[in-house]
All heavy atoms as atom14 arrays in JSON, in Angstrom:
{
  "sequence": "SVAHPFVLLPAIGQILLLVTLIQKQPSKTFTYIGIGGIGILMLLIF",
  "atom14_mask": [
    [1, 1, 1, 1, 1, 1, 0, 0, 0, 0, 0, 0, 0, 0],
    [1, 1, 1, 1, 1, 1, 1, 0, 0, 0, 0, 0, 0, 0],
    [1, 1, 1, 1, 1, 0, 0, 0, 0, 0, 0, 0, 0, 0],
    [1, 1, 1, 1, 1, 1, 1, 1, 1, 1, 0, 0, 0, 0],
    [1, 1, 1, 1, 1, 1, 1, 0, 0, 0, 0, 0, 0, 0],
    [1, 1, 1, 1, 1, 1, 1, 1, 1, 1, 1, 0, 0, 0],
    [1, 1, 1, 1, 1, 1, 1, 0, 0, 0, 0, 0, 0, 0],
    [1, 1, 1, 1, 1, 1, 1, 1, 0, 0, 0, 0, 0, 0],
    [1, 1, 1, 1, 1, 1, 1, 1, 0, 0, 0, 0, 0, 0],
    [1, 1, 1, 1, 1, 1, 1, 0, 0, 0, 0, 0, 0, 0],
    [1, 1, 1, 1, 1, 0, 0, 0, 0, 0, 0, 0, 0, 0],
    [1, 1, 1, 1, 1, 1, 1, 1, 0, 0, 0, 0, 0, 0],
    [1, 1, 1, 1, 0, 0, 0, 0, 0, 0, 0, 0, 0, 0],
    [1, 1, 1, 1, 1, 1, 1, 1, 1, 0, 0, 0, 0, 0],
    [1, 1, 1, 1, 1, 1, 1, 1, 0, 0, 0, 0, 0, 0],
    [1, 1, 1, 1, 1, 1, 1, 1, 0, 0, 0, 0, 0, 0],
    [1, 1, 1, 1, 1, 1, 1, 1, 0, 0, 0, 0, 0, 0],
    [1, 1, 1, 1, 1, 1, 1, 1, 0, 0, 0, 0, 0, 0],
    [1, 1, 1, 1, 1, 1, 1, 0, 0, 0, 0, 0, 0, 0],
    [1, 1, 1, 1, 1, 1, 1, 0, 0, 0, 0, 0, 0, 0],
    [1, 1, 1, 1, 1, 1, 1, 1, 0, 0, 0, 0, 0, 0],
    [1, 1, 1, 1, 1, 1, 1, 1, 0, 0, 0, 0, 0, 0],
    [1, 1, 1, 1, 1, 1, 1, 1, 1, 0, 0, 0, 0, 0],
    [1, 1, 1, 1, 1, 1, 1, 1, 1, 0, 0, 0, 0, 0],
    [1, 1, 1, 1, 1, 1, 1, 1, 1, 0, 0, 0, 0, 0],
    [1, 1, 1, 1, 1, 1, 1, 0, 0, 0, 0, 0, 0, 0],
    [1, 1, 1, 1, 1, 1, 0, 0, 0, 0, 0, 0, 0, 0],
    [1, 1, 1, 1, 1, 1, 1, 1, 1, 0, 0, 0, 0, 0],
    [1, 1, 1, 1, 1, 1, 1, 0, 0, 0, 0, 0, 0, 0],
    [1, 1, 1, 1, 1, 1, 1, 1, 1, 1, 1, 0, 0, 0],
    [1, 1, 1, 1, 1, 1, 1, 0, 0, 0, 0, 0, 0, 0],
    [1, 1, 1, 1, 1, 1, 1, 1, 1, 1, 1, 1, 0, 0],
    [1, 1, 1, 1, 1, 1, 1, 1, 0, 0, 0, 0, 0, 0],
    [1, 1, 1, 1, 0, 0, 0, 0, 0, 0, 0, 0, 0, 0],
    [1, 1, 1, 1, 1, 1, 1, 1, 0, 0, 0, 0, 0, 0],
    [1, 1, 1, 1, 0, 0, 0, 0, 0, 0, 0, 0, 0, 0],
    [1, 1, 1, 1, 0, 0, 0, 0, 0, 0, 0, 0, 0, 0],
    [1, 1, 1, 1, 1, 1, 1, 1, 0, 0, 0, 0, 0, 0],
    [1, 1, 1, 1, 0, 0, 0, 0, 0, 0, 0, 0, 0, 0],
    [1, 1, 1, 1, 1, 1, 1, 1, 0, 0, 0, 0, 0, 0],
    [1, 1, 1, 1, 1, 1, 1, 1, 0, 0, 0, 0, 0, 0],
    [1, 1, 1, 1, 1, 1, 1, 1, 0, 0, 0, 0, 0, 0],
    [1, 1, 1, 1, 1, 1, 1, 1, 0, 0, 0, 0, 0, 0],
    [1, 1, 1, 1, 1, 1, 1, 1, 0, 0, 0, 0, 0, 0],
    [1, 1, 1, 1, 1, 1, 1, 1, 0, 0, 0, 0, 0, 0],
    [1, 1, 1, 1, 1, 1, 1, 1, 1, 1, 1, 0, 0, 0]
  ],
  "atom14_positions": [
    [[-31.57, 25.74, 7.01], [-32.56, 24.68, 6.86], [-32.02, 23.3, 7.16], [-32.81, 22.35, 7.43], [-33.16, 24.68, 5.42], [-32.18, 24.27, 4.5], [0.0, 0.0, 0.0], [0.0, 0.0, 0.0], [0.0, 0.0, 0.0], [0.0, 0.0, 0.0], [0.0, 0.0, 0.0], [0.0, 0.0, 0.0], [0.0, 0.0, 0.0], [0.0, 0.0, 0.0]],
    [[-30.73, 23.15, 7.16], [-30.1, 21.84, 7.48], [-29.44, 21.85, 8.85], [-28.74, 20.88, 9.19], [-29.13, 21.39, 6.38], [-29.86, 21.16, 5.08], [-28.02, 22.38, 6.2], [0.0, 0.0, 0.0], [0.0, 0.0, 0.0], [0.0, 0.0, 0.0], [0.0, 0.0, 0.0], [0.0, 0.0, 0.0], [0.0, 0.0, 0.0], [0.0, 0.0, 0.0]],
    [[-29.59, 22.93, 9.59], [-28.96, 23.04, 10.9], [-29.81, 22.3, 11.96], [-30.61, 22.91, 12.67], [-28.77, 24.48, 11.27], [0.0, 0.0, 0.0], [0.0, 0.0, 0.0], [0.0, 0.0, 0.0], [0.0, 0.0, 0.0], [0.0, 0.0, 0.0], [0.0, 0.0, 0.0], [0.0, 0.0, 0.0], [0.0, 0.0, 0.0], [0.0, 0.0, 0.0]],
    [[-29.63, 21.01, 12.01], [-30.35, 20.17, 12.95], [-29.37, 19.14, 13.47], [-28.57, 18.6, 12.73], [-31.57, 19.48, 12.27], [-32.43, 18.75, 13.21], [-32.15, 17.51, 13.7], [-33.62, 19.13, 13.77], [-33.11, 17.11, 14.51], [-34.01, 18.07, 14.59], [0.0, 0.0, 0.0], [0.0, 0.0, 0.0], [0.0, 0.0, 0.0], [0.0, 0.0, 0.0]],
    [[-29.43, 18.78, 14.77], [-28.49, 17.82, 15.31], [-28.43, 16.47, 14.59], [-27.35, 15.92, 14.42], [-28.95, 17.63, 16.76], [-29.71, 18.84, 17.11], [-30.31, 19.32, 15.8], [0.0, 0.0, 0.0], [0.0, 0.0, 0.0], [0.0, 0.0, 0.0], [0.0, 0.0, 0.0], [0.0, 0.0, 0.0], [0.0, 0.0, 0.0], [0.0, 0.0, 0.0]],
    [[-29.56, 15.98, 14.11], [-29.56, 14.72, 13.38], [-29.04, 14.83, 11.96], [-28.91, 13.83, 11.26], [-30.95, 14.05, 13.4], [-31.27, 13.38, 14.71], [-32.33, 13.83, 15.46], [-30.5, 12.34, 15.19], [-32.6, 13.23, 16.69], [-30.77, 11.75, 16.38], [-31.82, 12.18, 17.14], [0.0, 0.0, 0.0], [0.0, 0.0, 0.0], [0.0, 0.0, 0.0]],
    [[-28.77, 16.03, 11.53], [-28.08, 16.29, 10.26], [-26.63, 16.58, 10.5], [-25.74, 16.01, 9.85], [-28.77, 17.45, 9.49], [-27.97, 17.81, 8.25], [-30.2, 17.08, 9.14], [0.0, 0.0, 0.0], [0.0, 0.0, 0.0], [0.0, 0.0, 0.0], [0.0, 0.0, 0.0], [0.0, 0.0, 0.0], [0.0, 0.0, 0.0], [0.0, 0.0, 0.0]],
    [[-26.35, 17.44, 11.46], [-24.98, 17.9, 11.69], [-24.1, 16.84, 12.32], [-22.96, 16.7, 11.88], [-25.02, 19.17, 12.56], [-25.68, 20.39, 11.94], [-25.71, 21.55, 12.93], [-24.95, 20.79, 10.68], [0.0, 0.0, 0.0], [0.0, 0.0, 0.0], [0.0, 0.0, 0.0], [0.0, 0.0, 0.0], [0.0, 0.0, 0.0], [0.0, 0.0, 0.0]],
    [[-24.59, 16.1, 13.32], [-23.72, 15.11, 13.98], [-23.27, 14.0, 13.04], [-22.08, 13.71, 12.99], [-24.44, 14.52, 15.2], [-24.57, 15.44, 16.39], [-25.42, 14.8, 17.51], [-23.23, 15.87, 16.94], [0.0, 0.0, 0.0], [0.0, 0.0, 0.0], [0.0, 0.0, 0.0], [0.0, 0.0, 0.0], [0.0, 0.0, 0.0], [0.0, 0.0, 0.0]],
    [[-24.13, 13.38, 12.26], [-23.65, 12.4, 11.32], [-22.73, 12.98, 10.24], [-21.77, 12.35, 9.82], [-24.92, 11.81, 10.68], [-26.0, 12.1, 11.66], [-25.61, 13.38, 12.31], [0.0, 0.0, 0.0], [0.0, 0.0, 0.0], [0.0, 0.0, 0.0], [0.0, 0.0, 0.0], [0.0, 0.0, 0.0], [0.0, 0.0, 0.0], [0.0, 0.0, 0.0]],
    [[-23.04, 14.24, 9.8], [-22.18, 14.86, 8.79], [-20.79, 15.09, 9.35], [-19.77, 14.83, 8.67], [-22.8, 16.16, 8.34], [0.0, 0.0, 0.0], [0.0, 0.0, 0.0], [0.0, 0.0, 0.0], [0.0, 0.0, 0.0], [0.0, 0.0, 0.0], [0.0, 0.0, 0.0], [0.0, 0.0, 0.0], [0.0, 0.0, 0.0], [0.0, 0.0, 0.0]],
    [[-20.71, 15.56, 10.57], [-19.4, 15.76, 11.21], [-18.68, 14.41, 11.38], [-17.48, 14.3, 11.13], [-19.56, 16.47, 12.57], [-20.0, 17.93, 12.37], [-18.28, 16.42, 13.4], [-20.48, 18.64, 13.6], [0.0, 0.0, 0.0], [0.0, 0.0, 0.0], [0.0, 0.0, 0.0], [0.0, 0.0, 0.0], [0.0, 0.0, 0.0], [0.0, 0.0, 0.0]],
    [[-19.42, 13.38, 11.74], [-18.86, 12.06, 11.88], [-18.27, 11.58, 10.57], [-17.17, 11.03, 10.51], [0.0, 0.0, 0.0], [0.0, 0.0, 0.0], [0.0, 0.0, 0.0], [0.0, 0.0, 0.0], [0.0, 0.0, 0.0], [0.0, 0.0, 0.0], [0.0, 0.0, 0.0], [0.0, 0.0, 0.0], [0.0, 0.0, 0.0], [0.0, 0.0, 0.0]],
    [[-19.0, 11.76, 9.47], [-18.5, 11.34, 8.16], [-17.27, 12.15, 7.73], [-16.34, 11.59, 7.18], [-19.61, 11.45, 7.09], [-20.6, 10.35, 7.21], [-21.66, 10.41, 6.12], [-21.92, 11.49, 5.57], [-22.26, 9.29, 5.83], [0.0, 0.0, 0.0], [0.0, 0.0, 0.0], [0.0, 0.0, 0.0], [0.0, 0.0, 0.0], [0.0, 0.0, 0.0]],
    [[-17.3, 13.45, 8.02], [-16.15, 14.3, 7.67], [-14.92, 13.82, 8.43], [-13.82, 13.72, 7.88], [-16.48, 15.77, 7.94], [-17.5, 16.28, 6.94], [-15.2, 16.62, 7.9], [-18.12, 17.6, 7.25], [0.0, 0.0, 0.0], [0.0, 0.0, 0.0], [0.0, 0.0, 0.0], [0.0, 0.0, 0.0], [0.0, 0.0, 0.0], [0.0, 0.0, 0.0]],
    [[-15.09, 13.53, 9.73], [-13.94, 13.05, 10.52], [-13.41, 11.72, 9.99], [-12.2, 11.48, 9.94], [-14.3, 12.94, 11.99], [-14.48, 14.26, 12.7], [-14.95, 14.06, 14.12], [-13.19, 15.08, 12.71], [0.0, 0.0, 0.0], [0.0, 0.0, 0.0], [0.0, 0.0, 0.0], [0.0, 0.0, 0.0], [0.0, 0.0, 0.0], [0.0, 0.0, 0.0]],
    [[-14.33, 10.83, 9.61], [-13.87, 9.57, 9.03], [-13.16, 9.78, 7.69], [-12.16, 9.08, 7.41], [-15.05, 8.6, 8.88], [-15.63, 8.03, 10.14], [-16.88, 7.22, 9.86], [-14.61, 7.22, 10.9], [0.0, 0.0, 0.0], [0.0, 0.0, 0.0], [0.0, 0.0, 0.0], [0.0, 0.0, 0.0], [0.0, 0.0, 0.0], [0.0, 0.0, 0.0]],
    [[-13.6, 10.72, 6.91], [-12.92, 11.06, 5.66], [-11.53, 11.62, 5.93], [-10.54, 11.28, 5.21], [-13.73, 12.06, 4.84], [-14.93, 11.52, 4.1], [-15.77, 12.66, 3.53], [-14.52, 10.53, 3.04], [0.0, 0.0, 0.0], [0.0, 0.0, 0.0], [0.0, 0.0, 0.0], [0.0, 0.0, 0.0], [0.0, 0.0, 0.0], [0.0, 0.0, 0.0]],
    [[-11.39, 12.42, 6.99], [-10.1, 12.95, 7.35], [-9.12, 11.83, 7.73], [-7.94, 11.88, 7.34], [-10.23, 14.0, 8.51], [-8.89, 14.33, 9.11], [-10.95, 15.24, 8.04], [0.0, 0.0, 0.0], [0.0, 0.0, 0.0], [0.0, 0.0, 0.0], [0.0, 0.0, 0.0], [0.0, 0.0, 0.0], [0.0, 0.0, 0.0], [0.0, 0.0, 0.0]],
    [[-9.61, 10.82, 8.4], [-8.74, 9.73, 8.78], [-8.17, 8.97, 7.59], [-7.14, 8.35, 7.66], [-9.44, 8.67, 9.71], [-10.5, 8.04, 9.01], [-9.95, 9.34, 10.99], [0.0, 0.0, 0.0], [0.0, 0.0, 0.0], [0.0, 0.0, 0.0], [0.0, 0.0, 0.0], [0.0, 0.0, 0.0], [0.0, 0.0, 0.0], [0.0, 0.0, 0.0]],
    [[-8.9, 9.06, 6.47], [-8.45, 8.34, 5.27], [-7.26, 9.0, 4.64], [-6.47, 8.35, 3.92], [-9.57, 8.25, 4.25], [-10.79, 7.45, 4.7], [-11.83, 7.44, 3.59], [-10.41, 6.04, 5.1], [0.0, 0.0, 0.0], [0.0, 0.0, 0.0], [0.0, 0.0, 0.0], [0.0, 0.0, 0.0], [0.0, 0.0, 0.0], [0.0, 0.0, 0.0]],
    [[-7.06, 10.32, 4.88], [-5.9, 11.0, 4.31], [-4.74, 11.07, 5.31], [-3.65, 11.52, 4.93], [-6.26, 12.38, 3.78], [-6.83, 13.26, 4.87], [-7.23, 12.29, 2.62], [-7.05, 14.72, 4.48], [0.0, 0.0, 0.0], [0.0, 0.0, 0.0], [0.0, 0.0, 0.0], [0.0, 0.0, 0.0], [0.0, 0.0, 0.0], [0.0, 0.0, 0.0]],
    [[-4.97, 10.66, 6.53], [-3.9, 10.62, 7.52], [-3.0, 9.42, 7.28], [-3.5, 8.37, 6.87], [-4.46, 10.57, 8.96], [-5.23, 11.79, 9.36], [-5.86, 11.63, 10.73], [-6.26, 10.55, 11.14], [-5.94, 12.74, 11.46], [0.0, 0.0, 0.0], [0.0, 0.0, 0.0], [0.0, 0.0, 0.0], [0.0, 0.0, 0.0], [0.0, 0.0, 0.0]],
    [[-1.74, 9.55, 7.6], [-0.8, 8.46, 7.48], [-1.21, 7.32, 8.41], [-1.29, 6.15, 8.03], [0.61, 8.9, 7.74], [1.67, 7.89, 7.43], [3.05, 8.46, 7.6], [4.11, 7.43, 7.2], [5.46, 7.97, 7.29], [0.0, 0.0, 0.0], [0.0, 0.0, 0.0], [0.0, 0.0, 0.0], [0.0, 0.0, 0.0], [0.0, 0.0, 0.0]],
    [[-1.42, 7.69, 9.66], [-1.94, 6.71, 10.67], [-3.28, 7.25, 11.15], [-3.34, 8.29, 11.78], [-0.95, 6.64, 11.85], [-1.37, 5.7, 13.0], [-1.41, 4.25, 12.49], [-0.67, 3.85, 11.64], [-2.28, 3.5, 13.1], [0.0, 0.0, 0.0], [0.0, 0.0, 0.0], [0.0, 0.0, 0.0], [0.0, 0.0, 0.0], [0.0, 0.0, 0.0]],
    [[-4.4, 6.56, 10.8], [-5.71, 7.1, 11.16], [-5.89, 7.34, 12.66], [-5.51, 6.51, 13.46], [-6.66, 5.98, 10.66], [-5.91, 5.25, 9.63], [-4.48, 5.34, 10.05], [0.0, 0.0, 0.0], [0.0, 0.0, 0.0], [0.0, 0.0, 0.0], [0.0, 0.0, 0.0], [0.0, 0.0, 0.0], [0.0, 0.0, 0.0], [0.0, 0.0, 0.0]],
    [[-6.42, 8.49, 12.98], [-6.64, 8.87, 14.36], [-7.74, 8.01, 15.0], [-8.88, 7.96, 14.48], [-6.98, 10.36, 14.43], [-7.47, 10.71, 15.71], [0.0, 0.0, 0.0], [0.0, 0.0, 0.0], [0.0, 0.0, 0.0], [0.0, 0.0, 0.0], [0.0, 0.0, 0.0], [0.0, 0.0, 0.0], [0.0, 0.0, 0.0], [0.0, 0.0, 0.0]],
    [[-7.42, 7.39, 16.11], [-8.45, 6.62, 16.84], [-9.54, 7.55, 17.37], [-10.69, 7.23, 17.37], [-7.81, 5.87, 18.0], [-6.99, 4.68, 17.59], [-6.48, 3.98, 18.82], [-5.47, 2.91, 18.44], [-4.94, 2.24, 19.62], [0.0, 0.0, 0.0], [0.0, 0.0, 0.0], [0.0, 0.0, 0.0], [0.0, 0.0, 0.0], [0.0, 0.0, 0.0]],
    [[-9.1, 8.72, 17.82], [-10.04, 9.7, 18.38], [-11.04, 10.13, 17.31], [-12.27, 10.15, 17.59], [-9.3, 10.93, 18.94], [-8.33, 10.5, 19.88], [-10.25, 11.91, 19.57], [0.0, 0.0, 0.0], [0.0, 0.0, 0.0], [0.0, 0.0, 0.0], [0.0, 0.0, 0.0], [0.0, 0.0, 0.0], [0.0, 0.0, 0.0], [0.0, 0.0, 0.0]],
    [[-10.57, 10.49, 16.15], [-11.47, 10.88, 15.06], [-12.39, 9.69, 14.69], [-13.57, 9.9, 14.37], [-10.68, 11.32, 13.83], [-10.14, 12.74, 13.91], [-10.21, 13.48, 15.07], [-9.52, 13.31, 12.82], [-9.74, 14.78, 15.13], [-8.99, 14.61, 12.88], [-9.12, 15.32, 14.05], [0.0, 0.0, 0.0], [0.0, 0.0, 0.0], [0.0, 0.0, 0.0]],
    [[-11.82, 8.5, 14.68], [-12.65, 7.32, 14.35], [-13.74, 7.13, 15.38], [-14.91, 6.93, 15.01], [-11.77, 6.08, 14.26], [-10.8, 6.27, 13.25], [-12.59, 4.84, 13.94], [0.0, 0.0, 0.0], [0.0, 0.0, 0.0], [0.0, 0.0, 0.0], [0.0, 0.0, 0.0], [0.0, 0.0, 0.0], [0.0, 0.0, 0.0], [0.0, 0.0, 0.0]],
    [[-13.43, 7.21, 16.65], [-14.43, 7.08, 17.69], [-15.48, 8.17, 17.63], [-16.68, 7.9, 17.8], [-13.78, 7.04, 19.08], [-13.09, 5.74, 19.4], [-11.91, 5.75, 20.14], [-13.57, 4.51, 19.01], [-11.23, 4.58, 20.5], [-12.93, 3.32, 19.35], [-11.77, 3.36, 20.09], [-11.14, 2.21, 20.4], [0.0, 0.0, 0.0], [0.0, 0.0, 0.0]],
    [[-15.05, 9.43, 17.43], [-16.0, 10.52, 17.33], [-16.9, 10.32, 16.1], [-18.1, 10.54, 16.15], [-15.31, 11.87, 17.29], [-14.62, 12.13, 18.64], [-16.3, 12.99, 17.01], [-13.69, 13.33, 18.64], [0.0, 0.0, 0.0], [0.0, 0.0, 0.0], [0.0, 0.0, 0.0], [0.0, 0.0, 0.0], [0.0, 0.0, 0.0], [0.0, 0.0, 0.0]],
    [[-16.3, 9.89, 14.99], [-17.08, 9.63, 13.77], [-18.11, 8.55, 13.97], [-19.27, 8.67, 13.57], [0.0, 0.0, 0.0], [0.0, 0.0, 0.0], [0.0, 0.0, 0.0], [0.0, 0.0, 0.0], [0.0, 0.0, 0.0], [0.0, 0.0, 0.0], [0.0, 0.0, 0.0], [0.0, 0.0, 0.0], [0.0, 0.0, 0.0], [0.0, 0.0, 0.0]],
    [[-17.7, 7.46, 14.65], [-18.63, 6.35, 14.95], [-19.77, 6.91, 15.84], [-20.93, 6.57, 15.63], [-17.92, 5.17, 15.62], [-17.03, 4.46, 14.62], [-18.93, 4.22, 16.23], [-16.13, 3.39, 15.21], [0.0, 0.0, 0.0], [0.0, 0.0, 0.0], [0.0, 0.0, 0.0], [0.0, 0.0, 0.0], [0.0, 0.0, 0.0], [0.0, 0.0, 0.0]],
    [[-19.41, 7.69, 16.83], [-20.43, 8.27, 17.72], [-21.4, 9.16, 17.01], [-22.62, 9.03, 17.2], [0.0, 0.0, 0.0], [0.0, 0.0, 0.0], [0.0, 0.0, 0.0], [0.0, 0.0, 0.0], [0.0, 0.0, 0.0], [0.0, 0.0, 0.0], [0.0, 0.0, 0.0], [0.0, 0.0, 0.0], [0.0, 0.0, 0.0], [0.0, 0.0, 0.0]],
    [[-20.9, 10.06, 16.15], [-21.8, 10.99, 15.45], [-22.76, 10.27, 14.51], [-23.94, 10.53, 14.5], [0.0, 0.0, 0.0], [0.0, 0.0, 0.0], [0.0, 0.0, 0.0], [0.0, 0.0, 0.0], [0.0, 0.0, 0.0], [0.0, 0.0, 0.0], [0.0, 0.0, 0.0], [0.0, 0.0, 0.0], [0.0, 0.0, 0.0], [0.0, 0.0, 0.0]],
    [[-22.22, 9.35, 13.74], [-23.07, 8.56, 12.81], [-23.92, 7.55, 13.57], [-25.07, 7.29, 13.29], [-22.23, 7.88, 11.74], [-21.43, 8.91, 10.94], [-23.11, 7.04, 10.82], [-20.36, 8.29, 10.05], [0.0, 0.0, 0.0], [0.0, 0.0, 0.0], [0.0, 0.0, 0.0], [0.0, 0.0, 0.0], [0.0, 0.0, 0.0], [0.0, 0.0, 0.0]],
    [[-23.3, 7.0, 14.6], [-23.97, 5.95, 15.4], [-25.26, 6.4, 16.07], [-26.2, 5.63, 16.17], [0.0, 0.0, 0.0], [0.0, 0.0, 0.0], [0.0, 0.0, 0.0], [0.0, 0.0, 0.0], [0.0, 0.0, 0.0], [0.0, 0.0, 0.0], [0.0, 0.0, 0.0], [0.0, 0.0, 0.0], [0.0, 0.0, 0.0], [0.0, 0.0, 0.0]],
    [[-25.32, 7.64, 16.46], [-26.54, 8.19, 17.08], [-27.7, 8.05, 16.11], [-28.79, 7.55, 16.43], [-26.33, 9.67, 17.51], [-25.39, 9.74, 18.69], [-27.67, 10.29, 17.84], [-24.96, 11.13, 19.03], [0.0, 0.0, 0.0], [0.0, 0.0, 0.0], [0.0, 0.0, 0.0], [0.0, 0.0, 0.0], [0.0, 0.0, 0.0], [0.0, 0.0, 0.0]],
    [[-27.48, 8.44, 14.86], [-28.52, 8.35, 13.84], [-28.83, 6.89, 13.51], [-29.98, 6.49, 13.4], [-28.1, 9.11, 12.58], [-29.09, 9.03, 11.41], [-30.43, 9.64, 11.77], [-28.48, 9.73, 10.19], [0.0, 0.0, 0.0], [0.0, 0.0, 0.0], [0.0, 0.0, 0.0], [0.0, 0.0, 0.0], [0.0, 0.0, 0.0], [0.0, 0.0, 0.0]],
    [[-27.8, 6.08, 13.34], [-28.0, 4.7, 12.98], [-28.72, 3.92, 14.07], [-29.53, 3.02, 13.81], [-26.7, 4.02, 12.53], [-26.06, 4.66, 11.35], [-27.15, 4.77, 9.9], [-26.93, 3.16, 9.23], [0.0, 0.0, 0.0], [0.0, 0.0, 0.0], [0.0, 0.0, 0.0], [0.0, 0.0, 0.0], [0.0, 0.0, 0.0], [0.0, 0.0, 0.0]],
    [[-28.39, 4.18, 15.34], [-29.11, 3.55, 16.44], [-30.57, 3.99, 16.47], [-31.45, 3.18, 16.78], [-28.43, 3.83, 17.78], [-27.14, 3.07, 18.01], [-26.42, 3.65, 19.25], [-27.39, 1.59, 18.19], [0.0, 0.0, 0.0], [0.0, 0.0, 0.0], [0.0, 0.0, 0.0], [0.0, 0.0, 0.0], [0.0, 0.0, 0.0], [0.0, 0.0, 0.0]],
    [[-30.83, 5.24, 16.16], [-32.2, 5.73, 16.09], [-32.95, 5.02, 14.98], [-34.12, 4.6, 15.14], [-32.25, 7.24, 15.88], [-33.64, 7.86, 15.84], [-34.38, 7.68, 17.14], [-33.57, 9.33, 15.48], [0.0, 0.0, 0.0], [0.0, 0.0, 0.0], [0.0, 0.0, 0.0], [0.0, 0.0, 0.0], [0.0, 0.0, 0.0], [0.0, 0.0, 0.0]],
    [[-32.32, 4.85, 13.8], [-32.91, 4.14, 12.7], [-33.19, 2.69, 13.11], [-34.27, 2.13, 12.83], [-32.05, 4.22, 11.42], [-32.04, 5.65, 10.92], [-32.52, 3.22, 10.37], [-31.04, 5.87, 9.78], [0.0, 0.0, 0.0], [0.0, 0.0, 0.0], [0.0, 0.0, 0.0], [0.0, 0.0, 0.0], [0.0, 0.0, 0.0], [0.0, 0.0, 0.0]],
    [[-32.23, 2.07, 13.81], [-32.41, 0.69, 14.29], [-33.63, 0.61, 15.23], [-34.46, -0.29, 15.13], [-31.15, 0.21, 14.99], [-31.2, -1.2, 15.44], [-30.94, -2.23, 14.56], [-31.47, -1.49, 16.76], [-30.97, -3.56, 14.99], [-31.51, -2.82, 17.21], [-31.25, -3.86, 16.32], [0.0, 0.0, 0.0], [0.0, 0.0, 0.0], [0.0, 0.0, 0.0]]
  ]
}
């Protein structure tokens, strides 16, 4: 029931951003993918 791109992409983005918080040096790649995943939804809301 929650398997929808506008649910999964932001969730994956948030998970990747959470992963960067436990890394010693936050991954730029994970940060960019996280911004992209969440950004799609936030741009749609905008």
